[in-house]
């Protein structure tokens, strides 16, 4: 399934690069009016076409804006095409600070639940301790990388090092953090998150 998604992303990237080559001078490079960087435009369009993002309203992407932990969970669940599970998980209480009224409760709960197939997968998120998730806190590079590596099927046991360095080392070795310059605990921008997903 992940190979299919990576192939789809590669094909979309190629198609978008061709379309960018024929744009008239001064035209916006992608679907979002506030994205001027061609790489970010391609990345944002790939995620838009995959149904991962739809912008921030008014045909804007807000590439320099930061993401919350809840927003990144929602993006990951959409990326994994598990959005059909969100409603089913919206009534569960997994983290005490993700209230029933929180818009992302279903997404966070899906991300915190182990797989239901023959092999139990590592949950994408495990919270911050004491039953808390901090859904509205900004997500750091280390947290985002950990979630995406788990989405790719890596378990904590496979990383076999102290968090977050083990995850960051693995991410670098497989190209997940290519073209990104941020510290482990730095908040990532929406443009950086798009780069991570495309990588």
Protein backbone atom coordinates (compact mmCIF):
# COMPACT_ATOMS: atom_id res chain seq x y z
CA UNK A 1 0.00 0.00 0.00
CA UNK A 2 2.82 2.43 0.87
CA UNK A 3 4.58 1.57 -2.42
CA UNK A 4 1.40 2.48 -4.29
CA UNK A 5 1.16 5.79 -2.46
CA UNK A 6 4.81 6.60 -3.12
CA UNK A 7 4.32 5.77 -6.81
CA UNK A 8 1.22 7.96 -6.91
CA UNK A 9 3.12 10.80 -5.25
CA UNK A 10 5.97 10.43 -7.76
CA UNK A 11 3.54 10.51 -10.69
CA UNK A 12 1.75 13.54 -9.29
CA UNK A 13 5.07 15.28 -8.75
CA UNK A 14 6.08 14.63 -12.35
CA UNK A 15 2.73 15.87 -13.65
CA UNK A 16 2.88 19.01 -11.54
CA UNK A 17 6.46 19.73 -12.58
CA UNK A 18 5.41 19.54 -16.24
CA UNK A 19 2.48 21.86 -15.59
CA UNK A 20 4.76 24.33 -13.80
CA UNK A 21 7.06 24.43 -16.81
CA UNK A 22 4.28 25.81 -19.03
CA UNK A 23 2.97 28.50 -16.67
CA UNK A 24 3.09 32.05 -18.01
CA UNK A 25 5.50 34.46 -16.35
CA UNK A 26 4.14 35.88 -13.11
CA UNK A 27 1.53 33.14 -12.68
CA UNK A 28 1.16 31.46 -9.31
CA UNK A 29 3.07 28.15 -9.39
CA UNK A 30 0.32 26.02 -7.85
CA UNK A 31 -3.23 25.83 -6.60
CA UNK A 32 -2.68 28.07 -3.57
CA UNK A 33 -2.42 31.83 -4.04
CA UNK A 34 -0.02 32.39 -1.12
CA UNK A 35 2.63 29.86 -2.18
CA UNK A 36 5.38 31.37 -4.32
CA UNK A 37 8.10 28.74 -3.80
CA UNK A 38 7.84 26.19 -6.66
CA UNK A 39 8.87 23.21 -4.49
CA UNK A 40 6.34 24.06 -1.79
CA UNK A 41 3.70 24.62 -4.48
CA UNK A 42 4.27 21.13 -5.89
CA UNK A 43 4.31 19.55 -2.42
CA UNK A 44 1.11 21.34 -1.37
CA UNK A 45 -0.62 20.35 -4.61
CA UNK A 46 0.39 16.71 -4.19
CA UNK A 47 -1.15 16.69 -0.71
CA UNK A 48 -4.24 18.50 -1.99
CA UNK A 49 -4.71 15.96 -4.78
CA UNK A 50 -4.27 13.09 -2.31
CA UNK A 51 -6.93 14.61 -0.02
CA UNK A 52 -4.47 15.26 2.81
CA UNK A 53 -4.95 19.06 2.88
CA UNK A 54 -7.36 21.54 1.39
CA UNK A 55 -5.67 24.72 2.56
CA UNK A 56 -6.69 27.20 5.20
CA UNK A 57 -9.58 28.78 3.29
CA UNK A 58 -9.73 31.42 0.59
CA UNK A 59 -7.40 29.41 -1.69
CA UNK A 60 -4.57 29.84 0.84
CA UNK A 61 -2.10 27.28 2.21
CA UNK A 62 -0.26 29.42 4.81
CA UNK A 63 3.13 27.80 4.10
CA UNK A 64 4.88 29.60 6.97
CA UNK A 65 2.17 28.82 9.52
CA UNK A 66 2.81 26.15 12.13
CA UNK A 67 0.83 22.99 12.71
CA UNK A 68 -0.67 21.65 15.90
CA UNK A 69 -0.30 18.06 16.99
CA UNK A 70 -3.99 17.51 16.20
CA UNK A 71 -3.66 18.98 12.70
CA UNK A 72 -0.68 16.75 11.95
CA UNK A 73 -2.63 13.70 13.17
CA UNK A 74 -5.49 14.61 10.84
CA UNK A 75 -3.10 14.96 7.91
CA UNK A 76 -1.52 11.59 8.67
CA UNK A 77 -4.86 9.79 8.96
CA UNK A 78 -5.96 11.28 5.62
CA UNK A 79 -2.59 10.34 4.08
CA UNK A 80 -3.11 6.74 5.23
CA UNK A 81 -6.65 6.81 3.80
CA UNK A 82 -8.15 5.90 7.18
CA UNK A 83 -10.57 8.82 7.38
CA UNK A 84 -13.51 6.41 7.26
CA UNK A 85 -12.56 5.33 10.81
CA UNK A 86 -12.70 8.84 12.29
CA UNK A 87 -16.42 8.92 13.08
CA UNK A 88 -16.25 5.54 14.80
CA UNK A 89 -13.46 6.74 17.10
CA UNK A 90 -14.93 10.18 17.82
CA UNK A 91 -16.93 8.97 20.84
CA UNK A 92 -13.99 7.35 22.65
CA UNK A 93 -11.99 8.99 25.41
CA UNK A 94 -8.33 8.13 25.02
CA UNK A 95 -6.74 11.41 26.14
CA UNK A 96 -8.41 13.52 28.81
CA UNK A 97 -7.45 16.79 27.11
CA UNK A 98 -9.01 15.82 23.76
CA UNK A 99 -12.57 16.64 24.76
CA UNK A 100 -15.69 15.46 22.96
CA UNK A 101 -16.03 18.93 21.45
CA UNK A 102 -12.52 19.01 19.93
CA UNK A 103 -12.70 19.02 16.13
CA UNK A 104 -9.88 16.45 15.81
CA UNK A 105 -10.95 13.99 18.49
CA UNK A 106 -11.69 11.21 15.99
CA UNK A 107 -8.42 11.75 14.13
CA UNK A 108 -6.34 11.75 17.32
CA UNK A 109 -8.12 8.64 18.59
CA UNK A 110 -7.54 6.76 15.32
CA UNK A 111 -3.86 7.73 15.49
CA UNK A 112 -3.66 6.48 19.10
CA UNK A 113 -5.29 3.13 18.34
CA UNK A 114 -3.33 0.06 17.25
CA UNK A 115 -4.10 -1.55 13.93
CA UNK A 116 -6.95 -4.00 13.68
CA UNK A 117 -5.49 -6.30 11.02
CA UNK A 118 -3.71 -9.62 11.49
CA UNK A 119 -0.60 -7.80 12.70
CA UNK A 120 -1.08 -5.23 15.43
CA UNK A 121 0.64 -2.05 14.38
CA UNK A 122 2.33 0.39 16.70
CA UNK A 123 -0.07 3.30 17.35
CA UNK A 124 1.01 6.45 15.54
CA UNK A 125 0.83 8.51 18.74
CA UNK A 126 1.02 7.71 22.43
CA UNK A 127 0.51 11.09 24.06
CA UNK A 128 2.78 13.00 26.40
CA UNK A 129 2.03 11.12 29.62
CA UNK A 130 -0.58 11.40 32.38
CA UNK A 131 -3.35 10.71 29.89
CA UNK A 132 -2.64 13.92 27.95
CA UNK A 133 -2.06 14.58 24.26
CA UNK A 134 -1.76 18.40 24.04
CA UNK A 135 -3.71 18.54 20.76
CA UNK A 136 -3.35 22.30 20.28
CA UNK A 137 0.39 22.49 20.97
CA UNK A 138 2.67 23.01 18.00
CA UNK A 139 4.19 19.82 16.64
CA UNK A 140 7.97 19.51 16.57
CA UNK A 141 10.08 17.93 13.86
CA UNK A 142 10.91 14.98 16.14
CA UNK A 143 7.22 14.33 16.87
CA UNK A 144 6.25 14.58 13.19
CA UNK A 145 9.08 12.26 12.14
CA UNK A 146 8.09 9.72 14.81
CA UNK A 147 4.47 9.70 13.62
CA UNK A 148 5.43 9.31 9.96
CA UNK A 149 7.94 6.54 10.64
CA UNK A 150 5.27 4.66 12.55
CA UNK A 151 2.90 5.28 9.63
CA UNK A 152 5.52 3.66 7.39
CA UNK A 153 5.45 0.59 9.63
CA UNK A 154 8.51 1.12 11.81
CA UNK A 155 8.11 0.15 15.46
CA UNK A 156 9.86 1.61 18.49
CA UNK A 157 11.81 -1.66 18.79
CA UNK A 158 13.17 -1.30 15.25
CA UNK A 159 14.53 2.16 15.98
CA UNK A 160 16.40 0.86 19.06
CA UNK A 161 17.78 4.16 20.32
CA UNK A 162 16.87 6.98 22.66
CA UNK A 163 14.04 9.21 21.43
CA UNK A 164 14.21 11.35 19.39
CA UNK A 165 17.69 10.76 18.01
CA UNK A 166 17.01 7.18 16.89
CA UNK A 167 13.97 8.30 14.93
CA UNK A 168 15.78 11.28 13.41
CA UNK A 169 18.73 9.09 12.38
CA UNK A 170 16.42 6.56 10.73
CA UNK A 171 14.44 9.34 9.03
CA UNK A 172 17.65 10.79 7.60
CA UNK A 173 18.85 7.38 6.41
CA UNK A 174 15.67 6.74 4.39
CA UNK A 175 15.38 10.31 3.05
CA UNK A 176 12.33 11.33 5.09
CA UNK A 177 13.98 14.54 6.28
CA UNK A 178 15.69 15.43 2.99
CA UNK A 179 15.59 19.16 2.17
CA UNK A 180 14.53 20.05 5.72
CA UNK A 181 16.51 22.21 8.10
CA UNK A 182 15.01 22.21 11.57
CA UNK A 183 16.12 21.09 15.00
CA UNK A 184 14.51 18.10 16.69
CA UNK A 185 12.39 20.25 19.00
CA UNK A 186 11.65 23.08 16.54
CA UNK A 187 8.06 23.59 15.45
CA UNK A 188 7.62 22.78 11.79
CA UNK A 189 5.83 24.94 9.27
CA UNK A 190 3.08 23.76 6.97
CA UNK A 191 5.57 23.90 4.08
CA UNK A 192 8.00 21.69 6.02
CA UNK A 193 5.21 19.24 6.86
CA UNK A 194 4.30 19.06 3.17
CA UNK A 195 7.94 18.26 2.37
CA UNK A 196 7.95 15.47 4.98
CA UNK A 197 4.83 13.87 3.54
CA UNK A 198 6.14 14.06 -0.02
CA UNK A 199 9.51 12.63 1.05
